[in-house]
Amino acid sequence: MEDNITAPENCTVTQEKDFVVVKGPKGELKRKLTDKKVEIKQEGQDVLLVYPEDTKRAKRLMNTNKAHIKNMLIGVTEGFTYKLKICSGHFPMTVNLKNDVLEVKNFIGEKVPRTLKISSEAKVSIAGDDITVEATSKEAAGQVAASIEKLTFRPGFDKRIFQDGIYITEKAGKKIVH
């Protein structure tokens, strides 16, 4: 069973043992394959995924690897961007970024600031009430954005009334309506 992906001109896809490596203008991504039987070959701009079996399970695994490789190709050419919004209605909270630590002060009147160590794979920037998370890996950008959102999560409170917090407004190009 075979499947084909067309890679951008400035990208290369190679297989090293159990890993697939994608190199492009924004960097290099390496990911472990979901199955060791799949073979990846690049012929010009076409990336060929070859699987020795022809079963439903093989098709699922090949489609999973194909989706991961497509995300990696997008990441090394364009990158992934998540946008978050800082909402402080009752208490004026401040959000600072010092080196690789995000710090939220005065969240709902708390004396001790909430902190989060940012992964080295993602780049975080704060502009007014907006936070932008950028990374070449979709998983890294999404995990950092979710961790920032979870930093101000308050269980047991109605989000419609107590709207203080940091919320994801855009996921990798898709607008989110709360």
N, C-alpha and C. Protein backbone atom coordinates (compact mmCIF):
# COMPACT_ATOMS: atom_id res chain seq x y z
N MET A 1 0.84 -1.16 0.00
CA MET A 1 0.00 0.00 0.00
C MET A 1 0.90 1.24 0.00
N GLU A 2 0.54 2.23 -0.82
CA GLU A 2 1.34 3.45 -0.95
C GLU A 2 0.45 4.68 -0.87
N ASP A 3 1.05 5.78 -0.41
CA ASP A 3 0.37 7.06 -0.41
C ASP A 3 1.40 8.14 -0.69
N ASN A 4 0.95 9.30 -1.17
CA ASN A 4 1.83 10.33 -1.66
C ASN A 4 1.52 11.67 -1.00
N ILE A 5 2.56 12.43 -0.66
CA ILE A 5 2.43 13.79 -0.15
C ILE A 5 3.35 14.66 -1.00
N THR A 6 2.88 15.84 -1.39
CA THR A 6 3.72 16.77 -2.13
C THR A 6 4.33 17.77 -1.15
N ALA A 7 5.65 17.77 -1.05
CA ALA A 7 6.36 18.65 -0.12
C ALA A 7 6.67 19.97 -0.81
N PRO A 8 6.74 21.08 -0.05
CA PRO A 8 7.17 22.35 -0.62
C PRO A 8 8.60 22.25 -1.15
N GLU A 9 8.99 23.19 -2.02
CA GLU A 9 10.29 23.14 -2.68
C GLU A 9 11.47 23.13 -1.71
N ASN A 10 11.38 23.90 -0.62
CA ASN A 10 12.53 24.07 0.25
C ASN A 10 12.52 23.12 1.45
N CYS A 11 11.80 22.00 1.36
CA CYS A 11 11.70 21.04 2.47
C CYS A 11 12.23 19.68 2.05
N THR A 12 12.85 19.00 3.01
CA THR A 12 13.29 17.62 2.78
C THR A 12 12.73 16.73 3.87
N VAL A 13 12.33 15.52 3.48
CA VAL A 13 11.78 14.54 4.40
C VAL A 13 12.64 13.29 4.31
N THR A 14 13.19 12.86 5.47
CA THR A 14 14.02 11.66 5.49
C THR A 14 13.59 10.77 6.64
N GLN A 15 13.98 9.50 6.55
CA GLN A 15 13.68 8.55 7.60
C GLN A 15 14.99 8.07 8.21
N GLU A 16 15.09 8.19 9.54
CA GLU A 16 16.26 7.70 10.27
C GLU A 16 15.78 6.69 11.30
N LYS A 17 15.98 5.42 11.03
CA LYS A 17 15.51 4.32 11.88
C LYS A 17 14.00 4.44 12.11
N ASP A 18 13.58 4.70 13.35
CA ASP A 18 12.15 4.79 13.67
C ASP A 18 11.63 6.22 13.64
N PHE A 19 12.43 7.17 13.15
CA PHE A 19 12.06 8.57 13.18
C PHE A 19 11.92 9.13 11.77
N VAL A 20 11.04 10.12 11.64
CA VAL A 20 10.94 10.87 10.40
C VAL A 20 11.46 12.28 10.70
N VAL A 21 12.32 12.80 9.82
CA VAL A 21 12.94 14.10 10.02
C VAL A 21 12.54 15.00 8.86
N VAL A 22 11.97 16.17 9.21
CA VAL A 22 11.55 17.15 8.21
C VAL A 22 12.38 18.41 8.42
N LYS A 23 13.07 18.86 7.36
CA LYS A 23 13.88 20.08 7.44
C LYS A 23 13.30 21.11 6.49
N GLY A 24 13.27 22.37 6.97
CA GLY A 24 12.74 23.45 6.16
C GLY A 24 13.35 24.77 6.57
N PRO A 25 12.84 25.88 6.03
CA PRO A 25 13.43 27.19 6.32
C PRO A 25 13.30 27.64 7.78
N LYS A 26 12.28 27.18 8.51
CA LYS A 26 12.10 27.59 9.91
C LYS A 26 12.75 26.63 10.90
N GLY A 27 13.34 25.56 10.42
CA GLY A 27 14.02 24.64 11.34
C GLY A 27 13.85 23.19 10.95
N GLU A 28 14.03 22.35 11.94
CA GLU A 28 13.98 20.90 11.75
C GLU A 28 13.09 20.27 12.81
N LEU A 29 12.25 19.34 12.39
CA LEU A 29 11.38 18.61 13.31
C LEU A 29 11.67 17.12 13.18
N LYS A 30 11.65 16.43 14.32
CA LYS A 30 11.91 14.99 14.35
C LYS A 30 10.80 14.34 15.14
N ARG A 31 10.22 13.27 14.61
CA ARG A 31 9.11 12.61 15.28
C ARG A 31 9.22 11.10 15.10
N LYS A 32 8.88 10.37 16.16
CA LYS A 32 8.91 8.90 16.09
C LYS A 32 7.69 8.43 15.30
N LEU A 33 7.90 7.47 14.41
CA LEU A 33 6.81 6.92 13.61
C LEU A 33 5.90 6.05 14.47
N THR A 34 4.61 6.01 14.11
CA THR A 34 3.66 5.21 14.88
C THR A 34 3.84 3.72 14.62
N ASP A 35 4.44 3.35 13.50
CA ASP A 35 4.68 1.93 13.20
C ASP A 35 6.03 1.80 12.49
N LYS A 36 6.79 0.79 12.86
CA LYS A 36 8.14 0.61 12.32
C LYS A 36 8.13 0.07 10.90
N LYS A 37 7.00 -0.49 10.45
CA LYS A 37 6.96 -1.12 9.13
C LYS A 37 6.85 -0.11 7.99
N VAL A 38 6.41 1.11 8.28
CA VAL A 38 6.22 2.10 7.23
C VAL A 38 7.58 2.62 6.75
N GLU A 39 7.69 2.81 5.43
CA GLU A 39 8.90 3.34 4.82
C GLU A 39 8.58 4.68 4.19
N ILE A 40 9.49 5.64 4.34
CA ILE A 40 9.29 6.97 3.78
C ILE A 40 10.42 7.25 2.80
N LYS A 41 10.05 7.61 1.56
CA LYS A 41 11.04 7.92 0.53
C LYS A 41 10.67 9.25 -0.10
N GLN A 42 11.69 10.10 -0.36
CA GLN A 42 11.43 11.35 -1.04
C GLN A 42 12.02 11.27 -2.43
N GLU A 43 11.15 11.50 -3.42
CA GLU A 43 11.56 11.50 -4.81
C GLU A 43 11.21 12.86 -5.38
N GLY A 44 12.18 13.77 -5.43
CA GLY A 44 11.91 15.14 -5.88
C GLY A 44 11.08 15.85 -4.82
N GLN A 45 9.91 16.36 -5.21
CA GLN A 45 9.03 17.04 -4.27
C GLN A 45 7.97 16.10 -3.70
N ASP A 46 7.95 14.86 -4.16
CA ASP A 46 6.96 13.90 -3.68
C ASP A 46 7.54 13.05 -2.55
N VAL A 47 6.76 12.92 -1.48
CA VAL A 47 7.12 12.06 -0.36
C VAL A 47 6.22 10.84 -0.45
N LEU A 48 6.83 9.66 -0.54
CA LEU A 48 6.09 8.42 -0.72
C LEU A 48 6.11 7.62 0.57
N LEU A 49 4.92 7.28 1.07
CA LEU A 49 4.78 6.42 2.24
C LEU A 49 4.44 5.03 1.75
N VAL A 50 5.26 4.04 2.09
CA VAL A 50 5.06 2.67 1.62
C VAL A 50 4.84 1.78 2.84
N TYR A 51 3.78 0.97 2.78
CA TYR A 51 3.47 0.03 3.86
C TYR A 51 3.36 -1.36 3.24
N PRO A 52 4.02 -2.37 3.80
CA PRO A 52 4.04 -3.70 3.16
C PRO A 52 2.69 -4.42 3.17
N GLU A 53 1.84 -4.14 4.15
CA GLU A 53 0.56 -4.83 4.24
C GLU A 53 -0.54 -3.99 3.61
N ASP A 54 -1.68 -4.64 3.35
CA ASP A 54 -2.83 -3.94 2.79
C ASP A 54 -4.06 -4.26 3.64
N THR A 55 -4.07 -3.77 4.88
CA THR A 55 -5.17 -4.04 5.80
C THR A 55 -5.76 -2.71 6.30
N LYS A 56 -6.88 -2.81 7.03
CA LYS A 56 -7.50 -1.61 7.59
C LYS A 56 -6.57 -0.95 8.60
N ARG A 57 -5.92 -1.76 9.42
CA ARG A 57 -5.00 -1.23 10.43
C ARG A 57 -3.83 -0.50 9.76
N ALA A 58 -3.31 -1.09 8.68
CA ALA A 58 -2.19 -0.47 7.96
C ALA A 58 -2.62 0.86 7.36
N LYS A 59 -3.85 0.93 6.84
CA LYS A 59 -4.36 2.16 6.26
C LYS A 59 -4.49 3.25 7.33
N ARG A 60 -5.00 2.87 8.51
CA ARG A 60 -5.12 3.83 9.62
C ARG A 60 -3.76 4.37 10.03
N LEU A 61 -2.79 3.48 10.19
CA LEU A 61 -1.45 3.89 10.59
C LEU A 61 -0.79 4.78 9.54
N MET A 62 -1.00 4.44 8.27
CA MET A 62 -0.41 5.24 7.21
C MET A 62 -1.05 6.63 7.16
N ASN A 63 -2.36 6.71 7.35
CA ASN A 63 -3.03 8.02 7.36
C ASN A 63 -2.60 8.85 8.56
N THR A 64 -2.35 8.20 9.69
CA THR A 64 -1.86 8.92 10.88
C THR A 64 -0.48 9.50 10.60
N ASN A 65 0.42 8.69 10.05
CA ASN A 65 1.76 9.18 9.70
C ASN A 65 1.70 10.27 8.65
N LYS A 66 0.79 10.14 7.70
CA LYS A 66 0.63 11.16 6.66
C LYS A 66 0.20 12.49 7.27
N ALA A 67 -0.75 12.47 8.20
CA ALA A 67 -1.21 13.69 8.86
C ALA A 67 -0.08 14.33 9.67
N HIS A 68 0.70 13.52 10.38
CA HIS A 68 1.82 14.05 11.16
C HIS A 68 2.86 14.71 10.24
N ILE A 69 3.16 14.07 9.12
CA ILE A 69 4.16 14.63 8.19
C ILE A 69 3.64 15.92 7.58
N LYS A 70 2.35 15.99 7.24
CA LYS A 70 1.78 17.23 6.71
C LYS A 70 1.89 18.36 7.72
N ASN A 71 1.58 18.07 9.00
CA ASN A 71 1.71 19.08 10.06
C ASN A 71 3.16 19.52 10.23
N MET A 72 4.09 18.58 10.11
CA MET A 72 5.50 18.92 10.23
C MET A 72 5.94 19.81 9.07
N LEU A 73 5.45 19.52 7.85
CA LEU A 73 5.79 20.34 6.69
C LEU A 73 5.25 21.76 6.84
N ILE A 74 4.03 21.88 7.35
CA ILE A 74 3.46 23.22 7.59
C ILE A 74 4.28 23.94 8.66
N GLY A 75 4.68 23.22 9.70
CA GLY A 75 5.44 23.81 10.79
C GLY A 75 6.79 24.36 10.36
N VAL A 76 7.53 23.63 9.53
CA VAL A 76 8.87 24.09 9.12
C VAL A 76 8.81 25.13 8.01
N THR A 77 7.65 25.34 7.39
CA THR A 77 7.53 26.38 6.37
C THR A 77 6.81 27.63 6.90
N GLU A 78 5.67 27.45 7.58
CA GLU A 78 4.88 28.58 8.06
C GLU A 78 4.93 28.74 9.57
N GLY A 79 4.93 27.64 10.30
CA GLY A 79 4.87 27.67 11.75
C GLY A 79 3.42 27.68 12.22
N PHE A 80 3.20 27.49 13.51
CA PHE A 80 1.87 27.48 14.10
C PHE A 80 1.77 28.59 15.13
N THR A 81 0.63 29.31 15.12
CA THR A 81 0.42 30.43 16.02
C THR A 81 -0.88 30.25 16.77
N TYR A 82 -0.81 30.37 18.08
CA TYR A 82 -1.99 30.36 18.95
C TYR A 82 -2.09 31.73 19.60
N LYS A 83 -3.31 32.27 19.69
CA LYS A 83 -3.52 33.57 20.31
C LYS A 83 -4.42 33.42 21.53
N LEU A 84 -4.05 34.12 22.60
CA LEU A 84 -4.81 34.10 23.84
C LEU A 84 -5.16 35.53 24.24
N LYS A 85 -6.24 35.67 24.99
CA LYS A 85 -6.72 36.98 25.44
C LYS A 85 -6.71 37.01 26.96
N ILE A 86 -6.17 38.09 27.53
CA ILE A 86 -6.15 38.29 28.98
C ILE A 86 -7.42 39.06 29.34
N CYS A 87 -8.26 38.47 30.18
CA CYS A 87 -9.51 39.09 30.60
C CYS A 87 -9.46 39.30 32.11
N SER A 88 -9.48 40.57 32.55
CA SER A 88 -9.51 40.84 33.98
C SER A 88 -10.62 41.85 34.24
N GLY A 89 -11.74 41.35 34.75
CA GLY A 89 -12.90 42.20 34.98
C GLY A 89 -12.98 42.71 36.40
N HIS A 90 -12.78 41.85 37.37
CA HIS A 90 -12.94 42.23 38.78
C HIS A 90 -11.63 42.76 39.39
N PHE A 91 -10.52 42.10 39.12
CA PHE A 91 -9.23 42.50 39.67
C PHE A 91 -8.27 42.78 38.52
N PRO A 92 -7.51 43.87 38.59
CA PRO A 92 -6.55 44.18 37.52
C PRO A 92 -5.32 43.28 37.62
N MET A 93 -5.30 42.20 36.84
CA MET A 93 -4.14 41.30 36.89
C MET A 93 -3.09 41.75 35.89
N THR A 94 -1.84 41.44 36.20
CA THR A 94 -0.74 41.76 35.30
C THR A 94 -0.05 40.47 34.90
N VAL A 95 0.31 40.40 33.62
CA VAL A 95 0.98 39.22 33.08
C VAL A 95 2.34 39.66 32.54
N ASN A 96 3.40 39.03 33.03
CA ASN A 96 4.77 39.36 32.62
C ASN A 96 5.48 38.11 32.12
N LEU A 97 6.45 38.33 31.25
CA LEU A 97 7.28 37.25 30.76
C LEU A 97 8.73 37.58 31.10
N LYS A 98 9.34 36.80 31.99
CA LYS A 98 10.74 36.99 32.37
C LYS A 98 11.51 35.76 31.93
N ASN A 99 12.40 35.94 30.98
CA ASN A 99 13.16 34.84 30.37
C ASN A 99 12.19 33.79 29.82
N ASP A 100 12.07 32.65 30.47
CA ASP A 100 11.15 31.61 29.99
C ASP A 100 10.10 31.29 31.03
N VAL A 101 9.75 32.26 31.89
CA VAL A 101 8.73 32.06 32.93
C VAL A 101 7.63 33.10 32.75
N LEU A 102 6.39 32.63 32.60
CA LEU A 102 5.22 33.49 32.51
C LEU A 102 4.68 33.67 33.92
N GLU A 103 4.43 34.91 34.32
CA GLU A 103 4.00 35.20 35.68
C GLU A 103 2.70 36.01 35.65
N VAL A 104 1.69 35.52 36.36
CA VAL A 104 0.40 36.21 36.47
C VAL A 104 0.28 36.71 37.91
N LYS A 105 0.24 38.05 38.06
CA LYS A 105 0.16 38.66 39.39
C LYS A 105 -1.25 39.20 39.62
N ASN A 106 -1.70 39.16 40.87
CA ASN A 106 -2.99 39.70 41.32
C ASN A 106 -4.18 39.03 40.62
N PHE A 107 -4.07 37.76 40.29
CA PHE A 107 -5.21 37.04 39.70
C PHE A 107 -6.26 36.84 40.79
N ILE A 108 -7.43 37.34 40.58
CA ILE A 108 -8.56 37.35 41.53
C ILE A 108 -8.13 37.77 42.94
N GLY A 109 -7.17 38.70 43.01
CA GLY A 109 -6.74 39.24 44.29
C GLY A 109 -5.76 38.38 45.05
N GLU A 110 -5.19 37.38 44.42
CA GLU A 110 -4.23 36.50 45.10
C GLU A 110 -2.92 37.23 45.39
N LYS A 111 -2.33 36.95 46.52
CA LYS A 111 -1.07 37.59 46.92
C LYS A 111 0.14 36.92 46.25
N VAL A 112 0.06 35.60 46.06
CA VAL A 112 1.17 34.85 45.48
C VAL A 112 0.96 34.76 43.97
N PRO A 113 1.95 35.18 43.15
CA PRO A 113 1.78 35.10 41.69
C PRO A 113 1.78 33.64 41.20
N ARG A 114 1.02 33.42 40.14
CA ARG A 114 1.00 32.10 39.48
C ARG A 114 2.07 32.12 38.39
N THR A 115 2.87 31.07 38.30
CA THR A 115 3.96 31.03 37.33
C THR A 115 3.89 29.78 36.47
N LEU A 116 4.45 29.90 35.27
CA LEU A 116 4.51 28.78 34.34
C LEU A 116 5.82 28.85 33.58
N LYS A 117 6.56 27.75 33.57
CA LYS A 117 7.80 27.67 32.80
C LYS A 117 7.43 27.32 31.35
N ILE A 118 7.88 28.16 30.42
CA ILE A 118 7.56 27.99 29.00
C ILE A 118 8.58 27.05 28.37
N SER A 119 8.09 26.13 27.55
CA SER A 119 8.95 25.18 26.83
C SER A 119 9.89 25.94 25.89
N SER A 120 11.09 25.41 25.70
CA SER A 120 12.06 26.06 24.81
C SER A 120 11.66 25.94 23.34
N GLU A 121 10.73 25.03 23.02
CA GLU A 121 10.30 24.85 21.64
C GLU A 121 9.38 25.96 21.17
N ALA A 122 8.72 26.67 22.10
CA ALA A 122 7.74 27.68 21.74
C ALA A 122 8.25 29.07 22.10
N LYS A 123 7.76 30.07 21.34
CA LYS A 123 8.11 31.46 21.59
C LYS A 123 6.83 32.18 22.00
N VAL A 124 6.85 32.83 23.16
CA VAL A 124 5.68 33.52 23.69
C VAL A 124 5.96 35.02 23.71
N SER A 125 4.96 35.81 23.26
CA SER A 125 5.09 37.26 23.33
C SER A 125 3.78 37.85 23.85
N ILE A 126 3.91 38.95 24.62
CA ILE A 126 2.75 39.61 25.22
C ILE A 126 2.68 41.03 24.68
N ALA A 127 1.51 41.41 24.16
CA ALA A 127 1.29 42.77 23.66
C ALA A 127 -0.06 43.26 24.20
N GLY A 128 -0.02 44.03 25.27
CA GLY A 128 -1.25 44.52 25.87
C GLY A 128 -2.03 43.38 26.50
N ASP A 129 -3.26 43.15 26.01
CA ASP A 129 -4.10 42.06 26.51
C ASP A 129 -4.02 40.80 25.67
N ASP A 130 -3.09 40.76 24.73
CA ASP A 130 -2.97 39.61 23.83
C ASP A 130 -1.66 38.86 24.09
N ILE A 131 -1.76 37.54 24.08
CA ILE A 131 -0.58 36.67 24.20
C ILE A 131 -0.50 35.85 22.92
N THR A 132 0.67 35.78 22.33
CA THR A 132 0.88 35.00 21.11
C THR A 132 1.90 33.90 21.38
N VAL A 133 1.54 32.68 21.00
CA VAL A 133 2.42 31.53 21.15
C VAL A 133 2.75 31.03 19.75
N GLU A 134 4.05 30.95 19.42
CA GLU A 134 4.49 30.50 18.10
C GLU A 134 5.48 29.35 18.25
N ALA A 135 5.35 28.37 17.37
CA ALA A 135 6.28 27.23 17.37
C ALA A 135 6.23 26.54 16.01
N THR A 136 7.27 25.77 15.71
CA THR A 136 7.25 24.98 14.47
C THR A 136 6.46 23.70 14.67
N SER A 137 6.41 23.20 15.89
CA SER A 137 5.67 21.99 16.21
C SER A 137 4.25 22.35 16.65
N LYS A 138 3.26 21.75 16.02
CA LYS A 138 1.86 22.02 16.38
C LYS A 138 1.58 21.58 17.81
N GLU A 139 2.14 20.44 18.21
CA GLU A 139 1.93 19.91 19.55
C GLU A 139 2.54 20.83 20.61
N ALA A 140 3.73 21.36 20.34
CA ALA A 140 4.39 22.24 21.31
C ALA A 140 3.61 23.54 21.48
N ALA A 141 3.18 24.14 20.37
CA ALA A 141 2.42 25.39 20.45
C ALA A 141 1.10 25.18 21.17
N GLY A 142 0.40 24.10 20.86
CA GLY A 142 -0.87 23.81 21.51
C GLY A 142 -0.73 23.52 22.98
N GLN A 143 0.33 22.80 23.37
CA GLN A 143 0.53 22.47 24.77
C GLN A 143 0.86 23.71 25.60
N VAL A 144 1.68 24.60 25.07
CA VAL A 144 2.02 25.82 25.80
C VAL A 144 0.78 26.71 25.94
N ALA A 145 -0.01 26.85 24.87
CA ALA A 145 -1.23 27.66 24.94
C ALA A 145 -2.22 27.08 25.94
N ALA A 146 -2.38 25.77 25.95
CA ALA A 146 -3.29 25.12 26.90
C ALA A 146 -2.80 25.27 28.34
N SER A 147 -1.49 25.20 28.54
CA SER A 147 -0.93 25.37 29.88
C SER A 147 -1.13 26.79 30.39
N ILE A 148 -1.01 27.77 29.50
CA ILE A 148 -1.26 29.16 29.90
C ILE A 148 -2.72 29.34 30.26
N GLU A 149 -3.63 28.76 29.48
CA GLU A 149 -5.06 28.87 29.77
C GLU A 149 -5.39 28.17 31.10
N LYS A 150 -4.78 27.03 31.33
CA LYS A 150 -5.04 26.27 32.56
C LYS A 150 -4.47 26.95 33.80
N LEU A 151 -3.46 27.81 33.61
CA LEU A 151 -2.84 28.52 34.71
C LEU A 151 -3.87 29.36 35.48
N THR A 152 -4.87 29.90 34.78
CA THR A 152 -5.88 30.74 35.43
C THR A 152 -7.24 30.06 35.52
N PHE A 153 -7.28 28.75 35.42
CA PHE A 153 -8.54 28.02 35.52
C PHE A 153 -9.01 27.97 36.96
N ARG A 154 -10.33 28.18 37.18
CA ARG A 154 -10.91 28.12 38.52
C ARG A 154 -12.09 27.17 38.50
N PRO A 155 -11.93 25.98 39.07
CA PRO A 155 -13.04 25.02 39.07
C PRO A 155 -14.16 25.48 40.00
N GLY A 156 -15.38 25.19 39.61
CA GLY A 156 -16.52 25.50 40.46
C GLY A 156 -17.08 26.90 40.25
N PHE A 157 -16.53 27.66 39.31
CA PHE A 157 -17.04 29.00 39.03
C PHE A 157 -17.64 29.04 37.63
N ASP A 158 -18.74 29.76 37.48
CA ASP A 158 -19.41 29.88 36.20
C ASP A 158 -18.64 30.87 35.32
N LYS A 159 -18.16 30.40 34.14
CA LYS A 159 -17.37 31.25 33.23
C LYS A 159 -18.18 32.43 32.70
N ARG A 160 -19.51 32.29 32.69
CA ARG A 160 -20.34 33.38 32.17
C ARG A 160 -20.38 34.56 33.13
N ILE A 161 -20.17 34.31 34.41
CA ILE A 161 -20.21 35.37 35.42
C ILE A 161 -18.81 35.80 35.81
N PHE A 162 -17.96 34.84 36.17
CA PHE A 162 -16.59 35.13 36.58
C PHE A 162 -15.69 34.95 35.36
N GLN A 163 -15.50 36.02 34.61
CA GLN A 163 -14.79 35.93 33.34
C GLN A 163 -13.30 36.23 33.45
N ASP A 164 -12.79 36.39 34.65
CA ASP A 164 -11.36 36.66 34.81
C ASP A 164 -10.57 35.43 34.40
N GLY A 165 -9.48 35.65 33.65
CA GLY A 165 -8.62 34.55 33.24
C GLY A 165 -7.94 34.84 31.92
N ILE A 166 -7.27 33.84 31.39
CA ILE A 166 -6.61 33.91 30.09
C ILE A 166 -7.23 32.81 29.23
N TYR A 167 -7.72 33.19 28.05
CA TYR A 167 -8.47 32.24 27.22
C TYR A 167 -7.90 32.20 25.80
N ILE A 168 -7.89 31.00 25.21
CA ILE A 168 -7.45 30.83 23.82
C ILE A 168 -8.53 31.40 22.91
N THR A 169 -8.14 32.28 21.99
CA THR A 169 -9.09 32.87 21.03
C THR A 169 -8.86 32.38 19.61
N GLU A 170 -7.64 31.90 19.33
CA GLU A 170 -7.34 31.42 17.98
C GLU A 170 -6.37 30.25 18.07
N LYS A 171 -6.74 29.13 17.43
CA LYS A 171 -5.91 27.93 17.43
C LYS A 171 -5.37 27.69 16.03
N ALA A 172 -4.10 27.88 15.84
CA ALA A 172 -3.42 27.59 14.56
C ALA A 172 -4.24 28.05 13.36
N GLY A 173 -4.74 29.29 13.40
CA GLY A 173 -5.47 29.86 12.28
C GLY A 173 -6.97 29.72 12.36
N LYS A 174 -7.50 29.03 13.35
CA LYS A 174 -8.96 28.83 13.49
C LYS A 174 -9.47 29.68 14.64
N LYS A 175 -10.45 30.55 14.38
CA LYS A 175 -11.05 31.39 15.41
C LYS A 175 -11.92 30.54 16.32
N ILE A 176 -11.94 30.87 17.61
CA ILE A 176 -12.74 30.13 18.58
C ILE A 176 -13.78 31.09 19.16
N VAL A 177 -15.02 30.64 19.21
CA VAL A 177 -16.09 31.44 19.78
C VAL A 177 -16.42 30.86 21.15
N HIS A 178 -16.32 31.70 22.18
CA HIS A 178 -16.63 31.25 23.55
C HIS A 178 -18.05 31.58 23.89
